[in-house]
C-alpha atoms as a PDB file:
ATOM      1  CA  MET A   1       5.830  26.696  51.206  1.00  0.00           C
ATOM      2  CA  ASN A   2       7.682  25.090  54.120  1.00  0.00           C
ATOM      3  CA  GLU A   3       9.338  28.369  55.122  1.00  0.00           C
ATOM      4  CA  PHE A   4       6.118  30.332  54.606  1.00  0.00           C
ATOM      5  CA  LEU A   5       4.141  28.030  56.911  1.00  0.00           C
ATOM      6  CA  ARG A   6       6.926  28.018  59.509  1.00  0.00           C
ATOM      7  CA  ARG A   7       6.859  31.798  59.664  1.00  0.00           C
ATOM      8  CA  MET A   8       3.065  31.965  59.680  1.00  0.00           C
ATOM      9  CA  LEU A   9       2.975  29.646  62.709  1.00  0.00           C
ATOM     10  CA  PHE A  10       5.836  31.511  64.466  1.00  0.00           C
ATOM     11  CA  LEU A  11       7.966  28.352  64.747  1.00  0.00           C
ATOM     12  CA  PRO A  12      11.718  28.454  65.504  1.00  0.00           C
ATOM     13  CA  PRO A  13      14.241  27.599  62.730  1.00  0.00           C
ATOM     14  CA  GLN A  14      14.470  24.017  61.488  1.00  0.00           C
ATOM     15  CA  ALA A  15      18.032  23.202  62.533  1.00  0.00           C
ATOM     16  CA  SER A  16      17.966  19.382  62.517  1.00  0.00           C
ATOM     17  CA  SER A  17      16.912  16.604  60.177  1.00  0.00           C
ATOM     18  CA  TYR A  18      14.125  15.660  62.590  1.00  0.00           C
ATOM     19  CA  ALA A  19      12.731  19.208  62.749  1.00  0.00           C
ATOM     20  CA  THR A  20      11.662  19.038  59.111  1.00  0.00           C
ATOM     21  CA  LEU A  21       9.820  15.757  59.642  1.00  0.00           C
ATOM     22  CA  VAL A  22       7.952  17.102  62.662  1.00  0.00           C
ATOM     23  CA  ASP A  23       6.997  20.340  60.938  1.00  0.00           C
ATOM     24  CA  HIS A  24       5.749  18.611  57.793  1.00  0.00           C
ATOM     25  CA  LEU A  25       3.382  16.485  59.885  1.00  0.00           C
ATOM     26  CA  HIS A  26       2.376  19.606  61.816  1.00  0.00           C
ATOM     27  CA  PHE A  27       1.620  21.483  58.580  1.00  0.00           C
ATOM     28  CA  PHE A  28      -0.365  18.538  57.209  1.00  0.00           C
ATOM     29  CA  VAL A  29      -2.573  18.392  60.314  1.00  0.00           C
ATOM     30  CA  ILE A  30      -3.000  22.175  60.489  1.00  0.00           C
ATOM     31  CA  LEU A  31      -3.911  22.557  56.787  1.00  0.00           C
ATOM     32  CA  THR A  32      -6.328  19.628  56.822  1.00  0.00           C
ATOM     33  CA  THR A  33      -8.171  20.864  59.901  1.00  0.00           C
ATOM     34  CA  LEU A  34      -8.133  24.440  58.534  1.00  0.00           C
ATOM     35  CA  VAL A  35      -9.765  23.362  55.270  1.00  0.00           C
ATOM     36  CA  MET A  36     -12.395  21.242  57.009  1.00  0.00           C
ATOM     37  CA  SER A  37     -13.207  23.809  59.691  1.00  0.00           C
ATOM     38  CA  THR A  38     -13.528  26.504  56.994  1.00  0.00           C
ATOM     39  CA  ALA A  39     -15.891  24.275  54.998  1.00  0.00           C
ATOM     40  CA  VAL A  40     -18.032  23.608  58.068  1.00  0.00           C
ATOM     41  CA  GLY A  41     -18.089  27.294  59.001  1.00  0.00           C
ATOM     42  CA  MET A  42     -19.026  28.459  55.497  1.00  0.00           C
ATOM     43  CA  THR A  43     -21.778  25.846  55.314  1.00  0.00           C
ATOM     44  CA  ALA A  44     -23.167  27.023  58.653  1.00  0.00           C
ATOM     45  CA  ILE A  45     -23.158  30.655  57.490  1.00  0.00           C
ATOM     46  CA  PHE A  46     -24.948  29.655  54.266  1.00  0.00           C
ATOM     47  CA  PHE A  47     -27.651  27.849  56.239  1.00  0.00           C
ATOM     48  CA  PHE A  48     -28.050  30.823  58.585  1.00  0.00           C
ATOM     49  CA  VAL A  49     -28.751  33.075  55.593  1.00  0.00           C
ATOM     50  CA  ARG A  50     -30.712  30.632  53.465  1.00  0.00           C
ATOM     51  CA  TYR A  51     -33.014  29.421  56.223  1.00  0.00           C
ATOM     52  CA  ARG A  52     -33.166  32.498  58.413  1.00  0.00           C
ATOM     53  CA  ARG A  53     -36.988  32.625  58.451  1.00  0.00           C
ATOM     54  CA  ARG A  54     -39.682  30.040  59.083  1.00  0.00           C
ATOM     55  CA  HIS A  55     -43.203  30.247  57.702  1.00  0.00           C
ATOM     56  CA  GLU A  56     -46.151  29.780  60.005  1.00  0.00           C
ATOM     57  CA  GLY A  57     -46.998  26.115  60.330  1.00  0.00           C
ATOM     58  CA  GLN A  58     -43.780  25.036  58.644  1.00  0.00           C
ATOM     59  CA  ARG A  59     -42.205  21.831  59.961  1.00  0.00           C
ATOM     60  CA  THR A  60     -38.741  20.424  59.478  1.00  0.00           C
ATOM     61  CA  PRO A  61     -38.986  17.425  57.167  1.00  0.00           C
ATOM     62  CA  HIS A  62     -37.725  14.034  58.286  1.00  0.00           C
ATOM     63  CA  VAL A  63     -34.416  13.369  56.512  1.00  0.00           C
ATOM     64  CA  GLU A  64     -32.718  10.004  56.210  1.00  0.00           C
ATOM     65  CA  THR A  65     -29.168   9.985  54.873  1.00  0.00           C
ATOM     66  CA  SER A  66     -27.875   7.288  52.584  1.00  0.00           C
ATOM     67  CA  LYS A  67     -25.487   4.576  53.687  1.00  0.00           C
ATOM     68  CA  VAL A  68     -22.858   6.030  51.389  1.00  0.00           C
ATOM     69  CA  ALA A  69     -23.020   9.444  53.084  1.00  0.00           C
ATOM     70  CA  GLU A  70     -22.777   7.876  56.543  1.00  0.00           C
ATOM     71  CA  ALA A  71     -19.774   5.813  55.446  1.00  0.00           C
ATOM     72  CA  LEU A  72     -18.045   8.917  54.078  1.00  0.00           C
ATOM     73  CA  PHE A  73     -18.609  10.876  57.295  1.00  0.00           C
ATOM     74  CA  ILE A  74     -17.117   8.006  59.318  1.00  0.00           C
ATOM     75  CA  PHE A  75     -14.286   6.640  57.220  1.00  0.00           C
ATOM     76  CA  VAL A  76     -12.849   9.795  55.608  1.00  0.00           C
ATOM     77  CA  PRO A  77     -11.948  11.416  58.981  1.00  0.00           C
ATOM     78  CA  LEU A  78     -10.782   8.010  60.245  1.00  0.00           C
ATOM     79  CA  ALA A  79      -8.495   7.656  57.216  1.00  0.00           C
ATOM     80  CA  PHE A  80      -6.885  11.016  57.961  1.00  0.00           C
ATOM     81  CA  PHE A  81      -6.328  10.127  61.619  1.00  0.00           C
ATOM     82  CA  LEU A  82      -4.781   6.786  60.671  1.00  0.00           C
ATOM     83  CA  LEU A  83      -2.551   8.506  58.101  1.00  0.00           C
ATOM     84  CA  TRP A  84      -1.352  11.002  60.720  1.00  0.00           C
ATOM     85  CA  PHE A  85      -0.663   8.126  63.096  1.00  0.00           C
ATOM     86  CA  ALA A  86       1.350   6.257  60.433  1.00  0.00           C
ATOM     87  CA  ILE A  87       3.475   9.327  59.660  1.00  0.00           C
ATOM     88  CA  GLY A  88       3.986  10.024  63.376  1.00  0.00           C
ATOM     89  CA  PHE A  89       4.989   6.413  64.029  1.00  0.00           C
ATOM     90  CA  ARG A  90       7.495   6.538  61.174  1.00  0.00           C
ATOM     91  CA  ASP A  91       9.018   9.681  62.674  1.00  0.00           C
ATOM     92  CA  TYR A  92       9.064   8.090  66.150  1.00  0.00           C
ATOM     93  CA  VAL A  93      11.004   5.084  64.812  1.00  0.00           C
ATOM     94  CA  TYR A  94      13.416   7.460  63.066  1.00  0.00           C
ATOM     95  CA  LEU A  95      14.055   9.367  66.306  1.00  0.00           C
ATOM     96  CA  SER A  96      14.366   6.168  68.365  1.00  0.00           C
ATOM     97  CA  THR A  97      16.974   4.562  66.090  1.00  0.00           C
ATOM     98  CA  PRO A  98      20.405   6.195  66.122  1.00  0.00           C
ATOM     99  CA  PRO A  99      22.310   5.534  62.889  1.00  0.00           C
ATOM    100  CA  PRO A 100      25.642   3.682  62.874  1.00  0.00           C
ATOM    101  CA  GLY A 101      28.626   5.718  63.958  1.00  0.00           C
ATOM    102  CA  SER A 102      26.671   8.189  66.078  1.00  0.00           C
ATOM    103  CA  MET A 103      28.827  10.332  68.337  1.00  0.00           C
ATOM    104  CA  ASP A 104      27.919   9.736  71.993  1.00  0.00           C
ATOM    105  CA  VAL A 105      27.649  12.595  74.469  1.00  0.00           C
ATOM    106  CA  TYR A 106      26.663  12.160  78.117  1.00  0.00           C
ATOM    107  CA  VAL A 107      24.212  14.715  79.488  1.00  0.00           C
ATOM    108  CA  MET A 108      23.518  15.277  83.169  1.00  0.00           C
ATOM    109  CA  GLY A 109      20.755  17.536  84.438  1.00  0.00           C
ATOM    110  CA  LYS A 110      20.879  18.982  87.931  1.00  0.00           C
ATOM    111  CA  GLN A 111      19.193  21.868  89.656  1.00  0.00           C
ATOM    112  CA  TRP A 112      19.595  24.085  87.700  1.00  0.00           C
ATOM    113  CA  MET A 113      22.111  23.443  84.946  1.00  0.00           C
ATOM    114  CA  TRP A 114      23.059  21.059  82.140  1.00  0.00           C
ATOM    115  CA  LYS A 115      26.429  19.288  82.018  1.00  0.00           C
ATOM    116  CA  PHE A 116      27.899  17.556  78.967  1.00  0.00           C
ATOM    117  CA  ALA A 117      30.749  15.019  78.714  1.00  0.00           C
ATOM    118  CA  TYR A 118      32.401  13.546  75.606  1.00  0.00           C
ATOM    119  CA  PRO A 119      33.664   9.951  76.031  1.00  0.00           C
ATOM    120  CA  GLU A 120      36.900  10.760  74.182  1.00  0.00           C
ATOM    121  CA  GLY A 121      37.218  14.389  75.147  1.00  0.00           C
ATOM    122  CA  PRO A 122      36.343  17.201  77.528  1.00  0.00           C
ATOM    123  CA  SER A 123      33.424  17.989  79.786  1.00  0.00           C
ATOM    124  CA  SER A 124      31.531  21.252  79.862  1.00  0.00           C
ATOM    125  CA  ALA A 125      28.671  22.980  81.637  1.00  0.00           C
ATOM    126  CA  GLY A 126      26.046  24.894  79.734  1.00  0.00           C
ATOM    127  CA  VAL A 127      27.517  24.471  76.227  1.00  0.00           C
ATOM    128  CA  LEU A 128      27.223  21.436  73.948  1.00  0.00           C
ATOM    129  CA  ARG A 129      29.389  21.644  70.829  1.00  0.00           C
ATOM    130  CA  VAL A 130      28.509  19.304  67.961  1.00  0.00           C
ATOM    131  CA  PRO A 131      29.537  18.963  64.308  1.00  0.00           C
ATOM    132  CA  MET A 132      27.057  19.801  61.572  1.00  0.00           C
ATOM    133  CA  GLY A 133      25.903  16.855  59.485  1.00  0.00           C
ATOM    134  CA  ARG A 134      26.970  14.135  61.949  1.00  0.00           C
ATOM    135  CA  PRO A 135      24.506  12.152  64.071  1.00  0.00           C
ATOM    136  CA  VAL A 136      24.882  12.722  67.817  1.00  0.00           C
ATOM    137  CA  ARG A 137      23.390  10.409  70.452  1.00  0.00           C
ATOM    138  CA  LEU A 138      22.684  11.915  73.873  1.00  0.00           C
ATOM    139  CA  LEU A 139      22.768   9.581  76.894  1.00  0.00           C
ATOM    140  CA  MET A 140      20.987  11.519  79.619  1.00  0.00           C
ATOM    141  CA  THR A 141      20.495  11.170  83.355  1.00  0.00           C
ATOM    142  CA  SER A 142      19.559  13.416  86.272  1.00  0.00           C
ATOM    143  CA  ARG A 143      21.405  13.992  89.513  1.00  0.00           C
ATOM    144  CA  ASP A 144      18.339  15.015  91.535  1.00  0.00           C
ATOM    145  CA  VAL A 145      14.801  15.368  90.122  1.00  0.00           C
ATOM    146  CA  ILE A 146      13.074  14.807  86.778  1.00  0.00           C
ATOM    147  CA  HIS A 147      14.160  17.252  84.079  1.00  0.00           C
ATOM    148  CA  SER A 148      13.329  17.412  80.370  1.00  0.00           C
ATOM    149  CA  PHE A 149      15.927  18.178  77.702  1.00  0.00           C
ATOM    150  CA  TYR A 150      14.296  20.446  75.115  1.00  0.00           C
ATOM    151  CA  VAL A 151      15.838  22.039  72.011  1.00  0.00           C
ATOM    152  CA  PRO A 152      13.077  23.951  70.165  1.00  0.00           C
ATOM    153  CA  ALA A 153      15.099  24.464  66.967  1.00  0.00           C
ATOM    154  CA  PHE A 154      15.741  20.703  66.753  1.00  0.00           C
ATOM    155  CA  ARG A 155      12.139  19.769  67.756  1.00  0.00           C
ATOM    156  CA  LEU A 156      13.645  17.486  70.417  1.00  0.00           C
ATOM    157  CA  LYS A 157      12.281  16.866  73.907  1.00  0.00           C
ATOM    158  CA  LYS A 158      13.116  13.948  76.201  1.00  0.00           C
ATOM    159  CA  ASP A 159      12.615  13.396  79.926  1.00  0.00           C
ATOM    160  CA  VAL A 160      15.798  13.067  81.986  1.00  0.00           C
ATOM    161  CA  LEU A 161      15.333  10.780  84.984  1.00  0.00           C
ATOM    162  CA  PRO A 162      17.392  10.231  88.153  1.00  0.00           C
ATOM    163  CA  GLY A 163      18.960   6.785  88.507  1.00  0.00           C
ATOM    164  CA  ARG A 164      18.573   5.731  84.871  1.00  0.00           C
ATOM    165  CA  TYR A 165      19.546   6.712  81.342  1.00  0.00           C
ATOM    166  CA  THR A 166      17.273   7.936  78.586  1.00  0.00           C
ATOM    167  CA  GLU A 167      18.527   8.673  75.102  1.00  0.00           C
ATOM    168  CA  ILE A 168      17.743  10.724  72.045  1.00  0.00           C
ATOM    169  CA  TRP A 169      19.682  11.559  68.884  1.00  0.00           C
ATOM    170  CA  PHE A 170      19.803  14.333  66.326  1.00  0.00           C
ATOM    171  CA  GLU A 171      21.693  15.500  63.287  1.00  0.00           C
ATOM    172  CA  ALA A 172      22.198  19.253  63.153  1.00  0.00           C
ATOM    173  CA  THR A 173      21.807  20.733  59.682  1.00  0.00           C
ATOM    174  CA  LYS A 174      22.596  24.419  60.254  1.00  0.00           C
ATOM    175  CA  GLU A 175      25.477  26.191  61.920  1.00  0.00           C
ATOM    176  CA  GLY A 176      24.670  28.433  64.834  1.00  0.00           C
ATOM    177  CA  ARG A 177      23.763  28.558  68.504  1.00  0.00           C
ATOM    178  CA  TYR A 178      20.494  27.023  69.659  1.00  0.00           C
ATOM    179  CA  GLU A 179      18.836  27.317  73.038  1.00  0.00           C
ATOM    180  CA  VAL A 180      18.405  24.339  75.368  1.00  0.00           C
ATOM    181  CA  LEU A 181      15.586  24.523  77.919  1.00  0.00           C
ATOM    182  CA  CYS A 182      14.186  22.339  80.674  1.00  0.00           C
ATOM    183  CA  ALA A 183      10.578  21.469  79.818  1.00  0.00           C
ATOM    184  CA  GLU A 184       9.728  19.808  83.156  1.00  0.00           C
ATOM    185  CA  TYR A 185       9.111  21.949  86.245  1.00  0.00           C
ATOM    186  CA  CYS A 186      12.034  21.088  88.527  1.00  0.00           C
ATOM    187  CA  GLY A 187      12.008  23.706  91.273  1.00  0.00           C
ATOM    188  CA  ALA A 188      12.484  27.391  91.898  1.00  0.00           C
ATOM    189  CA  GLY A 189      15.249  27.769  89.304  1.00  0.00           C
ATOM    190  CA  HIS A 190      13.432  25.908  86.534  1.00  0.00           C
ATOM    191  CA  SER A 191      13.099  28.966  84.295  1.00  0.00           C
ATOM    192  CA  VAL A 192      16.855  29.661  84.370  1.00  0.00           C
ATOM    193  CA  MET A 193      17.921  26.070  83.618  1.00  0.00           C
ATOM    194  CA  ARG A 194      19.279  26.902  80.192  1.00  0.00           C
ATOM    195  CA  ALA A 195      22.161  25.866  77.969  1.00  0.00           C
ATOM    196  CA  GLU A 196      23.033  26.086  74.293  1.00  0.00           C
ATOM    197  CA  VAL A 197      23.996  23.800  71.451  1.00  0.00           C
ATOM    198  CA  VAL A 198      26.786  25.208  69.295  1.00  0.00           C
ATOM    199  CA  VAL A 199      26.719  23.637  65.829  1.00  0.00           C
ATOM    200  CA  MET A 200      30.116  23.871  64.109  1.00  0.00           C
ATOM    201  CA  ARG A 201      31.521  22.864  60.747  1.00  0.00           C
ATOM    202  CA  PRO A 202      32.964  19.321  60.983  1.00  0.00           C
ATOM    203  CA  ALA A 203      36.535  20.485  60.397  1.00  0.00           C
ATOM    204  CA  GLU A 204      36.205  23.212  63.038  1.00  0.00           C
ATOM    205  CA  PHE A 205      34.725  20.747  65.520  1.00  0.00           C
ATOM    206  CA  ASP A 206      37.543  18.242  64.948  1.00  0.00           C
ATOM    207  CA  GLU A 207      40.114  20.993  65.475  1.00  0.00           C
ATOM    208  CA  TRP A 208      38.335  22.135  68.640  1.00  0.00           C
ATOM    209  CA  MET A 209      38.286  18.574  69.964  1.00  0.00           C
ATOM    210  CA  ARG A 210      42.021  18.172  69.261  1.00  0.00           C
ATOM    211  CA  ASP A 211      42.726  21.431  71.072  1.00  0.00           C
ATOM    212  CA  GLN A 212      40.688  20.269  74.061  1.00  0.00           C
ATOM    213  CA  LYS A 213      42.531  16.956  74.228  1.00  0.00           C
ATOM    214  CA  ARG A 214      45.913  18.657  74.036  1.00  0.00           C
ATOM    215  CA  GLY A 215      44.999  20.828  76.987  1.00  0.00           C
ATOM    216  CA  LEU A 216      43.964  17.963  79.289  1.00  0.00           C
ATOM    217  CA  PRO A 217      46.387  16.167  81.661  1.00  0.00           C
ATOM    218  CA  VAL A 218      46.724  12.533  80.660  1.00  0.00           C
ATOM    219  CA  VAL A 219      46.132   9.501  82.860  1.00  0.00           C
ATOM    220  CA  GLN A 220      48.887   6.932  82.260  1.00  0.00           C
ATOM    221  CA  ASP A 221      48.596   3.245  83.117  1.00  0.00           C
ATOM    222  CA  GLY A 222      45.374   3.868  84.980  1.00  0.00           C
ATOM    223  CA  GLU A 223      46.960   6.359  87.393  1.00  0.00           C
ATOM    224  CA  PRO A 224      46.343  10.130  87.405  1.00  0.00           C
ATOM    225  CA  THR A 225      49.416  12.225  86.683  1.00  0.00           C
ATOM    226  CA  ARG A 226      48.737  14.719  89.509  1.00  0.00           C
ATOM    227  CA  LEU A 227      47.504  13.180  92.731  1.00  0.00           C
ATOM    228  CA  GLU A 228      47.875  16.321  94.800  1.00  0.00           C
ATOM    229  CA  ARG A 229      45.161  18.092  92.746  1.00  0.00           C
ATOM    230  CA  PRO A 230      41.598  17.115  91.817  1.00  0.00           C
ATOM    231  CA  GLN A 231      41.896  14.333  89.302  1.00  0.00           C
ATOM    232  CA  VAL A 232      41.471  15.414  85.682  1.00  0.00           C
ATOM    233  CA  TYR A 233      41.372  12.733  83.008  1.00  0.00           C
ATOM    234  CA  SER A 234      42.117  12.700  79.312  1.00  0.00           C
ATOM    235  CA  ASN A 235      38.806  10.970  78.629  1.00  0.00           C
ATOM    236  CA  MET A 236      35.968   9.115  80.319  1.00  0.00           C
ATOM    237  CA  VAL A 237      37.518   5.695  79.696  1.00  0.00           C
ATOM    238  CA  SER A 238      40.598   6.658  81.697  1.00  0.00           C
ATOM    239  CA  GLN A 239      38.433   8.024  84.477  1.00  0.00           C
ATOM    240  CA  GLY A 240      36.298   4.865  84.465  1.00  0.00           C
ATOM    241  CA  ARG A 241      39.367   2.635  84.721  1.00  0.00           C
ATOM    242  CA  VAL A 242      40.608   4.513  87.777  1.00  0.00           C
ATOM    243  CA  LEU A 243      37.170   4.581  89.404  1.00  0.00           C
ATOM    244  CA  SER A 244      36.652   0.854  88.822  1.00  0.00           C
ATOM    245  CA  ALA A 245      39.897   0.089  90.624  1.00  0.00           C
ATOM    246  CA  SER A 246      39.222   2.482  93.499  1.00  0.00           C
ATOM    247  CA  GLN A 247      35.676   1.187  94.026  1.00  0.00           C
ATOM    248  CA  GLY A 248      36.802  -2.451  94.159  1.00  0.00           C
ATOM    249  CA  CYS A 249      35.020  -3.558  90.991  1.00  0.00           C
ATOM    250  CA  PHE A 250      37.919  -5.816  89.950  1.00  0.00           C
ATOM    251  CA  LYS A 251      37.497  -7.935  93.065  1.00  0.00           C
ATOM    252  CA  CYS A 252      34.448  -9.535  91.439  1.00  0.00           C
ATOM    253  CA  HIS A 253      34.671  -8.688  87.715  1.00  0.00           C
ATOM    254  CA  THR A 254      37.425  -9.538  85.237  1.00  0.00           C
ATOM    255  CA  ILE A 255      38.365  -7.691  82.067  1.00  0.00           C
ATOM    256  CA  ASP A 256      39.924 -10.632  80.200  1.00  0.00           C
ATOM    257  CA  GLY A 257      36.906 -12.944  79.853  1.00  0.00           C
ATOM    258  CA  ALA A 258      37.770 -15.174  82.824  1.00  0.00           C
ATOM    259  CA  GLN A 259      34.947 -16.364  85.071  1.00  0.00           C
ATOM    260  CA  HIS A 260      34.784 -14.827  88.536  1.00  0.00           C
ATOM    261  CA  VAL A 261      32.269 -13.806  91.202  1.00  0.00           C
ATOM    262  CA  GLY A 262      30.484 -11.525  88.733  1.00  0.00           C
ATOM    263  CA  PRO A 263      30.164 -11.480  84.927  1.00  0.00           C
ATOM    264  CA  THR A 264      33.284 -10.508  83.011  1.00  0.00           C
ATOM    265  CA  TRP A 265      33.323  -7.027  81.549  1.00  0.00           C
ATOM    266  CA  LEU A 266      35.030  -8.135  78.339  1.00  0.00           C
ATOM    267  CA  ASP A 267      32.506  -7.835  75.472  1.00  0.00           C
ATOM    268  CA  LEU A 268      29.726  -7.240  78.027  1.00  0.00           C
ATOM    269  CA  TYR A 269      28.401  -4.097  76.364  1.00  0.00           C
ATOM    270  CA  GLY A 270      25.907  -4.979  73.636  1.00  0.00           C
ATOM    271  CA  LYS A 271      25.652  -8.595  74.775  1.00  0.00           C
ATOM    272  CA  ARG A 272      22.342 -10.313  75.471  1.00  0.00           C
ATOM    273  CA  GLU A 273      22.445 -11.700  78.996  1.00  0.00           C
ATOM    274  CA  ARG A 274      20.121 -14.427  80.246  1.00  0.00           C
ATOM    275  CA  LEU A 275      18.642 -13.541  83.620  1.00  0.00           C
ATOM    276  CA  ALA A 276      17.831 -15.836  86.521  1.00  0.00           C
ATOM    277  CA  SER A 277      14.143 -15.284  85.659  1.00  0.00           C
ATOM    278  CA  GLY A 278      14.707 -16.843  82.228  1.00  0.00           C
ATOM    279  CA  GLN A 279      14.345 -13.566  80.358  1.00  0.00           C
ATOM    280  CA  GLU A 280      16.997 -11.996  78.155  1.00  0.00           C
ATOM    281  CA  ILE A 281      18.165  -8.414  78.417  1.00  0.00           C
ATOM    282  CA  LEU A 282      20.440  -6.243  76.311  1.00  0.00           C
ATOM    283  CA  ALA A 283      23.469  -4.969  78.224  1.00  0.00           C
ATOM    284  CA  ASP A 284      23.232  -1.325  77.201  1.00  0.00           C
ATOM    285  CA  GLU A 285      23.941   1.860  79.140  1.00  0.00           C
ATOM    286  CA  ALA A 286      20.626   1.714  80.990  1.00  0.00           C
ATOM    287  CA  TYR A 287      21.157  -1.885  82.132  1.00  0.00           C
ATOM    288  CA  LEU A 288      24.765  -1.305  83.231  1.00  0.00           C
ATOM    289  CA  THR A 289      23.719   1.758  85.221  1.00  0.00           C
ATOM    290  CA  GLU A 290      20.811  -0.056  86.845  1.00  0.00           C
ATOM    291  CA  SER A 291      23.109  -2.941  87.777  1.00  0.00           C
ATOM    292  CA  MET A 292      25.344  -0.530  89.685  1.00  0.00           C
ATOM    293  CA  MET A 293      22.464   1.216  91.452  1.00  0.00           C
ATOM    294  CA  ASP A 294      20.285  -1.855  92.125  1.00  0.00           C
ATOM    295  CA  PRO A 295      22.319  -5.054  91.522  1.00  0.00           C
ATOM    296  CA  GLY A 296      19.493  -7.394  92.498  1.00  0.00           C
ATOM    297  CA  ALA A 297      16.941  -5.960  90.070  1.00  0.00           C
ATOM    298  CA  LYS A 298      18.032  -8.098  87.090  1.00  0.00           C
ATOM    299  CA  MET A 299      20.320 -10.940  88.199  1.00  0.00           C
ATOM    300  CA  VAL A 300      22.296 -12.749  85.511  1.00  0.00           C
ATOM    301  CA  ALA A 301      21.732 -16.499  85.560  1.00  0.00           C
ATOM    302  CA  GLY A 302      24.465 -18.437  87.357  1.00  0.00           C
ATOM    303  CA  TYR A 303      25.571 -15.600  89.660  1.00  0.00           C
ATOM    304  CA  GLN A 304      24.693 -14.742  93.255  1.00  0.00           C
ATOM    305  CA  ASN A 305      23.342 -11.422  94.469  1.00  0.00           C
ATOM    306  CA  VAL A 306      26.441 -10.367  96.429  1.00  0.00           C
ATOM    307  CA  MET A 307      27.201  -6.998  94.824  1.00  0.00           C
ATOM    308  CA  PRO A 308      26.598  -3.912  97.015  1.00  0.00           C
ATOM    309  CA  SER A 309      24.565  -0.992  95.709  1.00  0.00           C
ATOM    310  CA  TYR A 310      26.465   2.088  94.574  1.00  0.00           C
ATOM    311  CA  GLN A 311      23.415   4.319  94.889  1.00  0.00           C
ATOM    312  CA  GLY A 312      24.664   7.515  96.543  1.00  0.00           C
ATOM    313  CA  ARG A 313      28.296   6.368  96.374  1.00  0.00           C
ATOM    314  CA  LEU A 314      28.864   7.294  92.736  1.00  0.00           C
ATOM    315  CA  ALA A 315      27.833  10.532  91.068  1.00  0.00           C
ATOM    316  CA  ALA A 316      26.154  10.377  87.652  1.00  0.00           C
ATOM    317  CA  PRO A 317      29.347  11.427  85.748  1.00  0.00           C
ATOM    318  CA  GLU A 318      31.310   8.708  87.567  1.00  0.00           C
ATOM    319  CA  VAL A 319      28.741   6.072  86.623  1.00  0.00           C
ATOM    320  CA  ALA A 320      28.931   7.251  83.009  1.00  0.00           C
ATOM    321  CA  ALA A 321      32.740   6.978  83.087  1.00  0.00           C
ATOM    322  CA  ILE A 322      32.595   3.381  84.336  1.00  0.00           C
ATOM    323  CA  VAL A 323      30.043   2.542  81.636  1.00  0.00           C
ATOM    324  CA  GLU A 324      32.371   4.010  79.000  1.00  0.00           C
ATOM    325  CA  TYR A 325      35.238   1.928  80.366  1.00  0.00           C
ATOM    326  CA  ILE A 326      33.122  -1.240  80.129  1.00  0.00           C
ATOM    327  CA  LYS A 327      32.188  -0.295  76.560  1.00  0.00           C
ATOM    328  CA  SER A 328      35.880   0.000  75.679  1.00  0.00           C
ATOM    329  CA  LEU A 329      36.665  -3.587  76.748  1.00  0.00           C
ATOM    330  CA  ARG A 330      36.333  -5.454  73.445  1.00  0.00           C
ATOM    331  CA  SER A 331      38.040  -8.644  72.342  1.00  0.00           C
ATOM    332  CA  GLU A 332      39.816  -8.620  68.994  1.00  0.00           C
ATOM    333  CA  SER A 333      37.094 -10.607  67.235  1.00  0.00           C
ATOM    334  CA  VAL A 334      34.353  -8.269  68.464  1.00  0.00           C
ATOM    335  CA  ALA A 335      36.366  -5.096  67.916  1.00  0.00           C
ATOM    336  CA  ASN A 336      37.051  -6.057  64.273  1.00  0.00           C
ATOM    337  CA  ALA A 337      33.450  -7.022  63.564  1.00  0.00           C
ATOM    338  CA  PRO A 338      31.438  -4.649  61.332  1.00  0.00           C
ATOM    339  CA  SER A 339      29.890  -1.925  63.461  1.00  0.00           C
ATOM    340  CA  LYS A 340      26.121  -1.681  63.713  1.00  0.00           C
ATOM    341  CA  GLY A 341      26.242   1.591  65.605  1.00  0.00           C
ATOM    342  CA  PRO A 342      25.208   2.028  69.235  1.00  0.00           C
ATOM    343  CA  LEU A 343      23.310  -1.279  69.607  1.00  0.00           C
ATOM    344  CA  TYR A 344      20.755  -0.351  66.972  1.00  0.00           C
ATOM    345  CA  GLU A 345      20.140  -1.128  63.336  1.00  0.00           C
ATOM    346  CA  PRO A 346      19.613   1.964  61.164  1.00  0.00           C
ATOM    347  CA  ALA A 347      16.000   2.769  60.376  1.00  0.00           C
ATOM    348  CA  ARG A 348      16.226   6.190  58.815  1.00  0.00           C
ATOM    349  CA  THR A 349      13.201   7.037  56.778  1.00  0.00           C
ATOM    350  CA  GLN A 350      12.537  10.291  55.051  1.00  0.00           C
END
């Protein structure tokens, strides 16, 4: 029945775990409204035939419905709408809660292309390779205007905003190549802003990742191996370490937990920081990025607003690399603690 309805509605393949959830809700709504609209239409046709003539002097009688009938007409449709809302909310929570161990991939949209970067591996433009059956979390930002990352076969769509990170996750369930589109008008080249997701078997993906790492020049002791050429790094953490040093971050921040002009980066990621306003905030990717672009927006209690803005000084991939470096700075006690995934508790409901 699922495949029959998908084909009848001309929907793309269901290539992710979330696609099935979305389509089942879609089918439920479509079938319910189809049945009710058919019943209303058939009743109207019956009345047209049955009462097609009026006799001379005939008057329409005054009809008063019962309280029970009025209650049914009100509460039965309301019950369906509330049920649809409950199912949709469940699916929203599922999509908003990456499971533990999700593989992170950074996504950058720019006019008019998509770029992808793996924290422990290569970067690519236009092609995102992922393993089948493993959850993948996308951390997305824009270099220029608002874009929208849209994969029809996965039923995924998320706005990509300049100067901040948005996120979405998926678990691909079928091998193949699936089109990525931009669903937000972003200029003259909007219609050609395309990419593809290549879903591979886990073993093939692991082998591909190993091959990519073997082919990348390695950064040793925080220094690139070839200074005379554009710097190429073995992973984003290495790049972030070099960028942090070159941008002067270590003049104010420590990486060993010691107090300094700014908060230490050791165990900063995932920590709840108390702000000067008295509020608490989770130090996730979005907060770390905002702190680089607008340091005074959310000041940590006990520190002065002396950090310069890096808006326009760092490109989106460079910001992502520094964030990955901060995420890698974990003390032994924190590193050995049981993982809860990327700052979220699992809430996977089927």
